[in-house]
Amino acid sequence: MSTNERLAPGVTLGRYELLLPIAQGGMATVWAARQKGSRGFQKTVAIKTMLPSLSEDPQFEQMFLDEAALAAKIHHPNVAETLDLGEEEDILYIVMEWVDGEALSTITKQAKKLNVTIQHHIALKVISQACLGLQAAHELKDDEAESLQLVHRDVSPQNILVTYDGIVKLVDFGVAKAMGRAGGETTAGQLKGKVPYMSPEQSRGGTIDRRTDIFAMGIVLYKMTTGLHPFLGENDLITMKNIIGRPVPSPRLKNAQFPVELEQVILKCLQKEPEKRYQTMLEVHQAIEKVQVSMGSSVVDDDVGTFVRSLLGDRGQKRRLALRDAVRSLDERASAPNSASQPQLVRHDAVSELIPTRMASAVRDDILRVTGQHSLSQIPPAPPSHSETPTDPGMQQRRTRPAMVVAIAATMVAVAAVVFFLARGQSGADGKGTPAGQVDGAKTTEPKPSALPTATASATVEAVATVVPTASATVAPDASTEAADDKKTAGPKKWAGPAGTSTSGSGKVTPATGTQYVPKITNPGF
């Protein structure tokens, strides 16, 4: 995924939240963003991100980093301050102060579109402030107080911002050259900067210094005061040839009323040989101030702001409203209930193994009554699980487990009954081998109570006890069931006898007439 696809309003880069895309240049895209802090603090900033087409180029990446390092050292009211440098998932970004204004290129285009002439005193005030910002950049020093000999190399209307309050801010040191920085050197066959605003030595790929920026500033001043570019051709190649060899057309050739003092300043800035130009931006600033005095104009920053606001109308207000709406939208999105954060229903598979469910079974109610359980028809159905559906395979598997338990219990009951009756048949026979209760001739006799040998009773109990633990090993009951079983089986084991019988102190069993003998089974396993 490219950088452009990953960046969108609401995306967070470090401590900054993107709001709106503002502009795109040759190297980067500029976003309006919000810096958020504690206790509700927030501040609008500008974030510049490298274009995805250049992010894989080590040379452009180094230029991007050099811009942040150089611009962060410049502290001047007429230079947009660099606040931070960050990287988020291979996205390099520079954080700068937010400038509530427009590029000088936008202002000149709007003036031409509306056929509005930019007054000379307004143009001089704008260029004078830009010169002070460049002077601060040119005088930048390193930690050892050595001059960095910084050259902007991209002085153009696109990189001169004018706020709606009339303050000028210089931006974009992306192709700036500084002494000792490899990224600032020009490679053979490669030009850095915009061709229409290059100096002759820059166009030829020669050695450049701060006087290159002075030449570019002369072109900007010429265009602002005359409405024309002094060297512009049909293409970049012709434009470069004009910059190198064609003389500068005098502004007074088109407008005889053009101030002579201003013309002299412009022509000196545009000398082909660097030695004949002004040598510092401070000299250019001082020369412009003299022109303003000679013209008898006194301009303050608010005069520039008033002109910009009247020329651009509600453009600035629309942008501020768009930023406000973007912030409000993100805040509403953040405060809205998040479905992912809602409590989720937890599925407990073990619950269905403990709760009896209504099902068909081969175990009769009377057997359940003997074993101490209620009738299956009286057992309420298990509450449905929120995480199960009738078509859930896991639910069907869990429902079959109790059925298996009941089937196993029924089998154990049947085996215990068979063992009991076999034992009873052997122990209940008389001396002739005739079982008790057998019809002898035509006379039916009542079964005589006979003493059940202690050893035989013990063997029967052991046989039953041998079967019952098997059910307990099949399905492990919970802690409460185990505790109840311990209480029932505590003390010496005694055989209570089949249902409907009574035992005497001698261990003899007296069966009741017409009573079915069913053993008492404890903990059948369900």
Protein backbone atom coordinates (compact mmCIF):
# COMPACT_ATOMS: atom_id res chain seq x y z
CA MET A 1 0.00 0.00 0.00
CA SER A 2 1.41 3.38 -0.99
CA THR A 3 1.81 6.36 1.28
CA ASN A 4 -1.11 8.21 -0.34
CA GLU A 5 -3.42 5.24 0.24
CA ARG A 6 -2.41 4.91 3.87
CA LEU A 7 -2.83 8.61 4.68
CA ALA A 8 -6.35 9.91 5.17
CA PRO A 9 -8.21 12.20 7.57
CA GLY A 10 -8.15 10.64 11.01
CA VAL A 11 -4.88 8.76 10.52
CA THR A 12 -2.45 9.33 13.38
CA LEU A 13 1.24 9.95 12.85
CA GLY A 14 2.89 9.93 16.24
CA ARG A 15 1.19 12.62 18.32
CA TYR A 16 -0.52 14.17 15.30
CA GLU A 17 -3.91 13.47 13.75
CA LEU A 18 -4.37 14.27 10.05
CA LEU A 19 -7.29 16.56 9.21
CA LEU A 20 -7.20 17.76 5.59
CA PRO A 21 -4.77 17.67 2.64
CA ILE A 22 -3.67 21.22 1.85
CA ALA A 23 -1.15 21.16 -0.99
CA GLN A 24 1.22 18.95 -2.94
CA GLY A 25 4.62 19.91 -4.26
CA GLY A 26 7.43 18.21 -6.12
CA MET A 27 8.63 16.23 -3.12
CA ALA A 28 5.86 16.08 -0.55
CA THR A 29 2.22 16.48 0.36
CA VAL A 30 1.20 18.98 3.03
CA TRP A 31 -1.60 18.17 5.49
CA ALA A 32 -3.38 20.17 8.11
CA ALA A 33 -3.13 18.18 11.31
CA ARG A 34 -3.98 18.40 14.98
CA GLN A 35 -1.55 17.95 17.84
CA LYS A 36 -3.33 16.61 20.92
CA GLY A 37 -2.10 16.85 24.48
CA SER A 38 -3.29 16.35 28.01
CA ARG A 39 -6.23 18.19 29.60
CA GLY A 40 -7.86 18.91 26.25
CA PHE A 41 -4.87 20.71 24.71
CA GLN A 42 -4.82 20.77 20.92
CA LYS A 43 -3.00 22.78 18.29
CA THR A 44 -3.24 22.96 14.50
CA VAL A 45 0.01 22.20 12.69
CA ALA A 46 1.15 21.50 9.13
CA ILE A 47 2.63 18.10 8.32
CA LYS A 48 4.71 17.45 5.22
CA THR A 49 4.99 13.82 4.08
CA MET A 50 7.27 12.58 1.32
CA LEU A 51 5.59 11.47 -1.89
CA PRO A 52 5.47 7.66 -2.33
CA SER A 53 7.25 7.91 -5.69
CA LEU A 54 10.29 9.39 -3.92
CA SER A 55 10.20 7.55 -0.62
CA GLU A 56 12.28 4.66 -1.99
CA ASP A 57 15.00 6.98 -3.32
CA PRO A 58 17.80 7.35 -0.75
CA GLN A 59 18.87 10.70 -2.22
CA PHE A 60 15.43 12.29 -1.86
CA GLU A 61 15.05 10.80 1.58
CA GLN A 62 18.31 12.44 2.60
CA MET A 63 17.12 15.75 1.15
CA PHE A 64 13.94 15.42 3.19
CA LEU A 65 15.91 14.81 6.37
CA ASP A 66 18.31 17.67 5.58
CA GLU A 67 15.36 20.03 5.17
CA ALA A 68 14.10 19.17 8.64
CA ALA A 69 17.55 19.49 10.19
CA LEU A 70 18.28 22.85 8.54
CA ALA A 71 14.87 24.48 8.93
CA ALA A 72 14.67 23.48 12.59
CA LYS A 73 17.73 25.64 13.28
CA ILE A 74 16.19 28.79 11.79
CA HIS A 75 14.23 30.91 14.24
CA HIS A 76 12.78 34.04 12.65
CA PRO A 77 9.29 35.55 12.40
CA ASN A 78 9.46 35.41 8.59
CA VAL A 79 10.40 31.70 8.40
CA ALA A 80 7.84 28.99 9.09
CA GLU A 81 9.12 27.17 12.15
CA THR A 82 9.90 23.47 11.98
CA LEU A 83 8.61 21.75 15.12
CA ASP A 84 9.27 18.05 14.76
CA LEU A 85 10.51 15.22 12.58
CA GLY A 86 8.99 11.77 12.79
CA GLU A 87 8.62 8.40 11.11
CA GLU A 88 5.58 6.16 11.30
CA GLU A 89 5.57 2.82 9.48
CA ASP A 90 8.20 3.99 6.96
CA ILE A 91 6.40 7.32 6.46
CA LEU A 92 8.74 10.26 7.03
CA TYR A 93 7.06 13.51 8.03
CA ILE A 94 8.04 17.03 9.05
CA VAL A 95 5.85 18.99 11.46
CA MET A 96 5.74 22.77 10.91
CA GLU A 97 3.80 25.66 12.30
CA TRP A 98 0.39 26.20 10.75
CA VAL A 99 0.29 29.29 8.50
CA ASP A 100 -3.21 30.66 8.02
CA GLY A 101 -2.62 32.20 4.64
CA GLU A 102 -1.92 31.62 0.97
CA ALA A 103 1.12 31.20 -1.24
CA LEU A 104 2.22 34.26 -3.15
CA SER A 105 1.63 32.29 -6.36
CA THR A 106 -2.06 31.94 -5.45
CA ILE A 107 -2.31 35.67 -4.74
CA THR A 108 -0.73 36.70 -8.06
CA LYS A 109 -2.89 34.25 -10.02
CA GLN A 110 -6.05 35.56 -8.39
CA ALA A 111 -5.00 39.13 -9.08
CA LYS A 112 -4.44 38.31 -12.75
CA LYS A 113 -7.75 36.45 -12.93
CA LEU A 114 -9.63 39.43 -11.49
CA ASN A 115 -7.50 41.92 -13.47
CA VAL A 116 -6.35 43.52 -10.23
CA THR A 117 -3.00 45.31 -10.10
CA ILE A 118 -0.91 44.62 -7.03
CA GLN A 119 0.10 48.00 -5.67
CA HIS A 120 3.85 48.60 -5.50
CA HIS A 121 3.85 49.41 -1.80
CA ILE A 122 2.11 46.06 -1.09
CA ALA A 123 4.59 44.16 -3.24
CA LEU A 124 7.56 45.89 -1.61
CA LYS A 125 6.30 45.09 1.88
CA VAL A 126 5.92 41.41 1.02
CA ILE A 127 9.38 41.12 -0.59
CA SER A 128 10.98 43.10 2.24
CA GLN A 129 9.73 40.59 4.82
CA ALA A 130 10.80 37.64 2.67
CA CYS A 131 14.30 39.14 2.42
CA LEU A 132 14.58 39.23 6.21
CA GLY A 133 13.60 35.57 6.43
CA LEU A 134 16.22 34.61 3.84
CA GLN A 135 18.84 36.71 5.58
CA ALA A 136 18.28 34.67 8.75
CA ALA A 137 18.68 31.46 6.77
CA HIS A 138 21.86 32.65 5.07
CA GLU A 139 23.41 33.59 8.41
CA LEU A 140 22.68 30.22 9.99
CA LYS A 141 25.61 28.77 11.98
CA ASP A 142 26.40 25.32 13.34
CA ASP A 143 27.11 24.36 16.93
CA GLU A 144 30.71 25.59 16.59
CA ALA A 145 29.50 29.03 15.43
CA GLU A 146 30.72 28.32 11.88
CA SER A 147 28.57 29.57 9.00
CA LEU A 148 26.67 26.81 7.21
CA GLN A 149 26.58 28.93 4.04
CA LEU A 150 23.00 27.88 3.54
CA VAL A 151 21.39 28.52 0.16
CA HIS A 152 17.65 28.01 -0.30
CA ARG A 153 17.89 27.35 -4.09
CA ASP A 154 14.09 27.32 -4.47
CA VAL A 155 13.00 30.91 -3.85
CA SER A 156 9.72 31.23 -5.74
CA PRO A 157 6.15 32.50 -5.23
CA GLN A 158 5.10 28.98 -4.24
CA ASN A 159 7.43 29.05 -1.22
CA ILE A 160 6.52 32.52 0.05
CA LEU A 161 3.38 32.41 2.19
CA VAL A 162 1.34 35.48 3.16
CA THR A 163 -1.08 35.17 6.06
CA TYR A 164 -4.47 36.84 6.19
CA ASP A 165 -2.93 39.12 8.81
CA GLY A 166 -0.22 40.27 6.40
CA ILE A 167 2.76 38.29 7.81
CA VAL A 168 5.17 36.69 5.34
CA LYS A 169 6.56 33.21 5.99
CA LEU A 170 9.31 31.55 3.99
CA VAL A 171 8.93 27.76 3.63
CA ASP A 172 10.38 24.70 1.90
CA PHE A 173 14.09 24.17 2.34
CA GLY A 174 13.79 20.82 0.55
CA VAL A 175 16.58 21.51 -1.95
CA ALA A 176 18.58 23.83 0.26
CA LYS A 177 22.36 23.52 0.05
CA ALA A 178 24.61 23.81 3.08
CA MET A 179 28.35 23.48 3.41
CA GLY A 180 29.47 19.95 4.30
CA ARG A 181 26.17 18.29 3.38
CA ALA A 182 26.35 15.70 0.61
CA GLY A 183 22.65 15.96 -0.04
CA GLY A 184 23.03 19.61 -1.01
CA GLU A 185 25.46 19.08 -3.87
CA THR A 186 24.12 19.05 -7.40
CA THR A 187 24.76 15.90 -9.38
CA ALA A 188 25.90 16.27 -12.97
CA GLY A 189 22.89 16.48 -15.27
CA GLN A 190 20.50 17.24 -12.37
CA LEU A 191 19.01 20.61 -11.47
CA LYS A 192 17.46 21.44 -8.13
CA GLY A 193 14.85 24.14 -7.96
CA LYS A 194 12.28 25.60 -10.34
CA VAL A 195 13.69 26.53 -13.74
CA PRO A 196 11.87 29.91 -14.13
CA TYR A 197 13.45 31.15 -10.87
CA MET A 198 17.01 29.89 -11.31
CA SER A 199 20.09 32.06 -11.51
CA PRO A 200 22.44 31.84 -14.53
CA GLU A 201 25.07 29.93 -12.54
CA GLN A 202 22.42 27.55 -11.20
CA SER A 203 21.09 26.92 -14.71
CA ARG A 204 24.60 26.06 -15.90
CA GLY A 205 25.17 23.74 -12.93
CA GLY A 206 27.95 25.93 -11.56
CA THR A 207 28.93 26.93 -8.04
CA ILE A 208 26.21 28.74 -6.18
CA ASP A 209 25.96 30.78 -2.99
CA ARG A 210 23.50 33.13 -1.32
CA ARG A 211 23.58 35.46 -4.32
CA THR A 212 21.65 32.80 -6.25
CA ASP A 213 18.71 33.44 -3.91
CA ILE A 214 19.08 37.18 -4.55
CA PHE A 215 18.67 36.64 -8.30
CA ALA A 216 15.55 34.52 -7.71
CA MET A 217 14.09 37.17 -5.40
CA GLY A 218 14.66 39.77 -8.17
CA ILE A 219 12.53 37.65 -10.53
CA VAL A 220 9.74 37.43 -7.93
CA LEU A 221 9.80 41.20 -7.38
CA TYR A 222 9.79 41.86 -11.14
CA LYS A 223 6.74 39.66 -11.66
CA MET A 224 4.82 41.13 -8.72
CA THR A 225 5.33 44.73 -9.82
CA THR A 226 4.92 44.27 -13.59
CA GLY A 227 2.72 41.19 -13.85
CA LEU A 228 5.25 39.57 -16.25
CA HIS A 229 8.13 37.13 -15.97
CA PRO A 230 11.37 38.64 -17.38
CA PHE A 231 12.76 35.38 -18.88
CA LEU A 232 9.82 33.04 -19.38
CA GLY A 233 9.90 31.11 -22.67
CA GLU A 234 7.78 28.50 -24.37
CA ASN A 235 9.47 25.71 -22.41
CA ASP A 236 12.05 25.23 -19.68
CA LEU A 237 14.95 24.98 -22.14
CA ILE A 238 14.16 28.35 -23.73
CA THR A 239 13.60 29.85 -20.30
CA MET A 240 17.06 28.67 -19.18
CA LYS A 241 18.68 30.14 -22.30
CA ASN A 242 16.96 33.47 -21.63
CA ILE A 243 18.14 33.47 -18.02
CA ILE A 244 21.73 32.80 -19.09
CA GLY A 245 22.09 35.04 -22.11
CA ARG A 246 19.16 37.42 -22.68
CA PRO A 247 19.32 40.90 -21.14
CA VAL A 248 16.69 41.80 -18.57
CA PRO A 249 13.83 43.77 -20.18
CA SER A 250 13.40 47.11 -18.42
CA PRO A 251 10.13 47.43 -16.49
CA ARG A 252 9.78 51.01 -17.76
CA LEU A 253 9.54 49.79 -21.39
CA LYS A 254 5.99 48.65 -20.71
CA ASN A 255 5.05 51.16 -18.04
CA ALA A 256 6.67 54.56 -18.21
CA GLN A 257 5.22 55.41 -14.79
CA PHE A 258 7.19 52.64 -13.18
CA PRO A 259 9.31 54.06 -10.31
CA VAL A 260 12.93 54.51 -11.34
CA GLU A 261 14.27 53.66 -7.89
CA LEU A 262 12.35 50.39 -7.90
CA GLU A 263 13.58 49.56 -11.40
CA GLN A 264 17.17 50.04 -10.26
CA VAL A 265 16.72 47.65 -7.37
CA ILE A 266 15.25 44.99 -9.65
CA LEU A 267 17.95 45.32 -12.30
CA LYS A 268 20.72 45.06 -9.75
CA CYS A 269 19.22 41.87 -8.34
CA LEU A 270 19.09 40.40 -11.87
CA GLN A 271 22.67 40.96 -12.92
CA LYS A 272 24.15 37.96 -14.76
CA GLU A 273 27.42 38.08 -12.79
CA PRO A 274 26.97 37.41 -9.06
CA GLU A 275 29.60 40.07 -8.20
CA LYS A 276 27.39 42.83 -9.65
CA ARG A 277 24.32 41.91 -7.57
CA TYR A 278 23.54 42.77 -3.99
CA GLN A 279 25.75 40.58 -1.85
CA THR A 280 23.33 39.94 0.99
CA MET A 281 19.59 39.83 1.50
CA LEU A 282 19.97 42.52 4.14
CA GLU A 283 21.22 44.89 1.42
CA VAL A 284 18.17 44.10 -0.69
CA HIS A 285 15.90 44.78 2.30
CA GLN A 286 17.57 48.12 2.98
CA ALA A 287 17.31 49.12 -0.68
CA ILE A 288 13.58 48.34 -0.72
CA GLU A 289 13.03 50.45 2.40
CA LYS A 290 14.71 53.39 0.68
CA VAL A 291 12.39 52.96 -2.28
CA GLN A 292 9.39 52.99 0.02
CA VAL A 293 10.59 56.20 1.62
CA SER A 294 11.18 57.81 -1.80
CA MET A 295 7.69 56.79 -2.85
CA GLY A 296 6.27 58.35 0.31
CA SER A 297 4.44 55.16 1.24
CA SER A 298 4.14 53.85 4.77
CA VAL A 299 2.81 50.31 4.83
CA VAL A 300 2.17 48.09 7.83
CA ASP A 301 1.41 44.40 8.01
CA ASP A 302 -2.33 44.92 8.36
CA ASP A 303 -2.38 46.76 5.02
CA VAL A 304 -1.04 43.62 3.37
CA GLY A 305 -3.59 41.48 5.24
CA THR A 306 -6.45 43.72 4.17
CA PHE A 307 -5.38 43.44 0.53
CA VAL A 308 -5.10 39.65 0.71
CA ARG A 309 -8.51 39.26 2.35
CA SER A 310 -10.20 41.53 -0.17
CA LEU A 311 -8.55 39.75 -3.09
CA LEU A 312 -9.27 36.17 -2.00
CA GLY A 313 -12.70 36.78 -0.47
CA ASP A 314 -13.96 33.94 1.75
CA ARG A 315 -11.25 31.47 0.72
CA GLY A 316 -9.61 31.64 4.13
CA GLN A 317 -12.92 31.41 5.98
CA LYS A 318 -13.90 28.30 4.01
CA ARG A 319 -10.65 26.62 4.93
CA ARG A 320 -11.08 27.45 8.60
CA LEU A 321 -14.62 26.05 8.51
CA ALA A 322 -13.38 22.91 6.78
CA LEU A 323 -10.78 22.42 9.53
CA ARG A 324 -13.41 22.99 12.21
CA ASP A 325 -15.74 20.45 10.61
CA ALA A 326 -12.90 17.94 10.28
CA VAL A 327 -12.05 18.29 13.96
CA ARG A 328 -15.70 17.99 14.96
CA SER A 329 -16.19 14.92 12.79
CA LEU A 330 -13.18 13.16 14.30
CA ASP A 331 -14.30 14.05 17.82
CA GLU A 332 -17.78 12.69 17.19
CA ARG A 333 -16.32 9.51 15.75
CA ALA A 334 -14.09 9.09 18.78
CA SER A 335 -16.96 9.64 21.24
CA ALA A 336 -19.44 7.38 19.42
CA PRO A 337 -20.08 3.94 20.98
CA ASN A 338 -17.69 1.44 19.53
CA SER A 339 -19.33 -1.86 18.72
CA ALA A 340 -16.02 -3.61 19.15
CA SER A 341 -15.81 -2.37 22.74
CA GLN A 342 -19.24 -3.66 23.75
CA PRO A 343 -19.22 -6.62 26.15
CA GLN A 344 -19.26 -9.84 24.19
CA LEU A 345 -21.20 -12.93 25.20
CA VAL A 346 -18.82 -15.56 26.51
CA ARG A 347 -19.52 -19.12 25.50
CA HIS A 348 -19.01 -21.65 28.31
CA ASP A 349 -19.05 -25.12 26.79
CA ALA A 350 -18.94 -26.88 30.16
CA VAL A 351 -22.33 -25.50 31.24
CA SER A 352 -24.35 -27.71 28.89
CA GLU A 353 -22.60 -30.78 30.31
CA LEU A 354 -23.92 -30.05 33.80
CA ILE A 355 -27.46 -28.88 33.09
CA PRO A 356 -29.94 -31.72 32.34
CA THR A 357 -31.75 -31.31 29.05
CA ARG A 358 -35.13 -32.65 27.93
CA MET A 359 -34.57 -35.65 25.65
CA ALA A 360 -35.92 -39.07 24.81
CA SER A 361 -34.42 -41.86 26.91
CA ALA A 362 -34.87 -45.60 27.49
CA VAL A 363 -34.66 -45.16 31.27
CA ARG A 364 -38.04 -45.41 32.94
CA ASP A 365 -39.30 -42.94 35.52
CA ASP A 366 -39.51 -45.65 38.17
CA ILE A 367 -35.81 -46.39 37.82
CA LEU A 368 -35.09 -42.69 38.14
CA ARG A 369 -37.19 -42.60 41.30
CA VAL A 370 -35.23 -45.50 42.75
CA THR A 371 -31.96 -43.76 42.01
CA GLY A 372 -33.12 -40.56 43.71
CA GLN A 373 -33.58 -38.53 40.48
CA HIS A 374 -36.67 -36.69 39.23
CA SER A 375 -38.57 -37.69 36.17
CA LEU A 376 -37.11 -36.43 32.94
CA SER A 377 -40.50 -35.03 32.10
CA GLN A 378 -40.30 -32.83 35.21
CA ILE A 379 -36.82 -31.46 34.51
CA PRO A 380 -37.06 -27.97 33.07
CA PRO A 381 -35.26 -27.45 29.78
CA ALA A 382 -31.84 -25.83 29.90
CA PRO A 383 -31.80 -22.11 29.21
CA PRO A 384 -30.68 -21.48 25.64
CA SER A 385 -27.14 -20.15 25.24
CA HIS A 386 -26.77 -16.82 23.49
CA SER A 387 -23.82 -18.12 21.56
CA GLU A 388 -25.60 -21.24 20.21
CA THR A 389 -28.01 -21.75 17.36
CA PRO A 390 -30.10 -24.86 16.61
CA THR A 391 -27.76 -25.61 13.74
CA ASP A 392 -24.60 -25.31 15.82
CA PRO A 393 -22.70 -28.67 15.55
CA GLY A 394 -21.03 -28.04 18.91
CA MET A 395 -24.43 -27.66 20.53
CA GLN A 396 -25.65 -30.96 19.08
CA GLN A 397 -22.55 -32.75 20.37
CA ARG A 398 -23.06 -31.34 23.85
CA ARG A 399 -26.72 -32.42 23.85
CA THR A 400 -25.77 -36.03 23.11
CA ARG A 401 -23.45 -36.26 26.11
CA PRO A 402 -26.25 -36.44 28.77
CA ALA A 403 -28.00 -39.08 26.64
CA MET A 404 -24.86 -41.20 26.71
CA VAL A 405 -24.63 -40.75 30.46
CA VAL A 406 -28.24 -41.88 30.92
CA ALA A 407 -27.68 -44.89 28.65
CA ILE A 408 -24.59 -45.93 30.60
CA ALA A 409 -26.47 -45.51 33.89
CA ALA A 410 -29.35 -47.64 32.61
CA THR A 411 -26.92 -50.37 31.57
CA MET A 412 -25.31 -50.34 35.00
CA VAL A 413 -28.73 -50.58 36.68
CA ALA A 414 -29.64 -53.57 34.53
CA VAL A 415 -26.34 -55.34 35.28
CA ALA A 416 -26.77 -54.68 39.00
CA ALA A 417 -30.31 -56.08 38.92
CA VAL A 418 -29.17 -59.25 37.16
CA VAL A 419 -26.39 -59.77 39.68
CA PHE A 420 -28.81 -59.23 42.53
CA PHE A 421 -31.44 -61.70 41.26
CA LEU A 422 -28.80 -64.34 40.54
CA ALA A 423 -27.47 -63.99 44.05
CA ARG A 424 -30.98 -64.11 45.49
CA GLY A 425 -31.85 -67.23 43.51
CA GLN A 426 -28.84 -69.10 44.85
CA SER A 427 -29.26 -68.00 48.45
CA GLY A 428 -33.05 -68.35 48.59
CA ALA A 429 -33.25 -72.06 47.58
CA ASP A 430 -34.33 -74.60 50.27
CA GLY A 431 -32.54 -77.78 51.20
CA LYS A 432 -34.07 -79.69 48.25
CA GLY A 433 -33.05 -77.12 45.80
CA THR A 434 -36.60 -75.72 45.42
CA PRO A 435 -36.56 -71.93 45.21
CA ALA A 436 -38.68 -70.03 47.68
CA GLY A 437 -42.17 -69.19 46.40
CA GLN A 438 -42.30 -72.17 43.97
CA VAL A 439 -45.66 -73.88 43.49
CA ASP A 440 -45.54 -77.41 45.06
CA GLY A 441 -48.32 -79.45 43.59
CA ALA A 442 -51.65 -77.68 43.91
CA LYS A 443 -50.63 -75.80 46.99
CA THR A 444 -49.06 -72.47 46.81
CA THR A 445 -46.95 -71.65 49.77
CA GLU A 446 -45.74 -68.30 50.93
CA PRO A 447 -42.03 -67.87 50.64
CA LYS A 448 -40.38 -68.62 53.90
CA PRO A 449 -38.11 -66.08 55.30
CA SER A 450 -34.67 -67.48 55.21
CA ALA A 451 -31.48 -66.04 56.56
CA LEU A 452 -29.31 -64.61 53.88
CA PRO A 453 -25.75 -65.60 54.66
CA THR A 454 -23.56 -62.70 55.60
CA ALA A 455 -20.91 -63.67 53.10
CA THR A 456 -23.46 -63.81 50.28
CA ALA A 457 -24.84 -60.37 51.16
CA SER A 458 -21.38 -58.96 51.29
CA ALA A 459 -20.59 -60.43 47.91
CA THR A 460 -23.74 -58.87 46.47
CA VAL A 461 -22.85 -55.46 47.86
CA GLU A 462 -19.33 -55.77 46.51
CA ALA A 463 -20.72 -56.67 43.08
CA VAL A 464 -22.98 -53.63 43.06
CA ALA A 465 -20.19 -51.40 44.36
CA THR A 466 -17.95 -52.68 41.61
CA VAL A 467 -20.39 -51.50 38.93
CA VAL A 468 -21.28 -48.11 40.35
CA PRO A 469 -17.78 -46.54 40.45
CA THR A 470 -17.48 -47.30 36.76
CA ALA A 471 -20.19 -44.72 36.05
CA SER A 472 -18.39 -42.21 38.21
CA ALA A 473 -15.22 -42.72 36.21
CA THR A 474 -17.10 -42.24 32.96
CA VAL A 475 -18.49 -38.78 33.73
CA ALA A 476 -16.72 -36.77 36.38
CA PRO A 477 -19.30 -34.97 38.58
CA ASP A 478 -18.75 -31.52 39.92
CA ALA A 479 -17.49 -30.75 43.41
CA SER A 480 -20.97 -30.56 44.96
CA THR A 481 -21.91 -34.05 43.68
CA GLU A 482 -18.68 -35.54 44.99
CA ALA A 483 -19.29 -33.99 48.42
CA ALA A 484 -22.84 -35.42 48.56
CA ASP A 485 -21.56 -38.86 47.59
CA ASP A 486 -18.93 -38.74 50.33
CA LYS A 487 -21.63 -38.08 52.95
CA LYS A 488 -23.79 -40.93 51.66
CA THR A 489 -20.99 -43.46 51.64
CA ALA A 490 -19.39 -42.39 54.92
CA GLY A 491 -19.04 -45.15 57.64
CA PRO A 492 -19.15 -48.93 57.22
CA LYS A 493 -21.02 -50.24 54.17
CA LYS A 494 -24.37 -51.88 54.98
CA TRP A 495 -26.74 -53.53 52.59
CA ALA A 496 -30.15 -51.94 53.01
CA GLY A 497 -31.75 -54.79 51.12
CA PRO A 498 -34.16 -54.53 48.27
CA ALA A 499 -37.12 -52.22 48.37
CA GLY A 500 -39.98 -53.52 50.60
CA THR A 501 -37.81 -55.69 52.88
CA SER A 502 -36.80 -55.40 56.50
CA THR A 503 -33.66 -56.54 58.23
CA SER A 504 -33.21 -57.77 61.77
CA GLY A 505 -30.24 -57.45 64.03
CA SER A 506 -29.09 -60.96 63.03
CA GLY A 507 -28.74 -59.86 59.41
CA LYS A 508 -31.80 -61.79 58.19
CA VAL A 509 -33.97 -60.29 55.47
CA THR A 510 -37.74 -60.59 55.49
CA PRO A 511 -39.17 -59.86 52.03
CA ALA A 512 -42.60 -58.26 51.72
CA THR A 513 -45.29 -59.98 49.73
CA GLY A 514 -45.71 -58.69 46.13
CA THR A 515 -42.73 -56.41 46.30
CA GLN A 516 -40.37 -56.03 43.35
CA TYR A 517 -36.75 -56.23 44.31
CA VAL A 518 -34.77 -53.35 42.84
CA PRO A 519 -31.39 -52.39 44.24
CA LYS A 520 -30.71 -48.89 45.44
CA ILE A 521 -28.04 -47.28 43.30
CA THR A 522 -26.26 -44.16 44.49
CA ASN A 523 -24.91 -41.61 41.98
CA PRO A 524 -25.84 -43.21 38.65
CA GLY A 525 -23.68 -40.61 36.93
CA PHE A 526 -26.07 -37.95 35.69
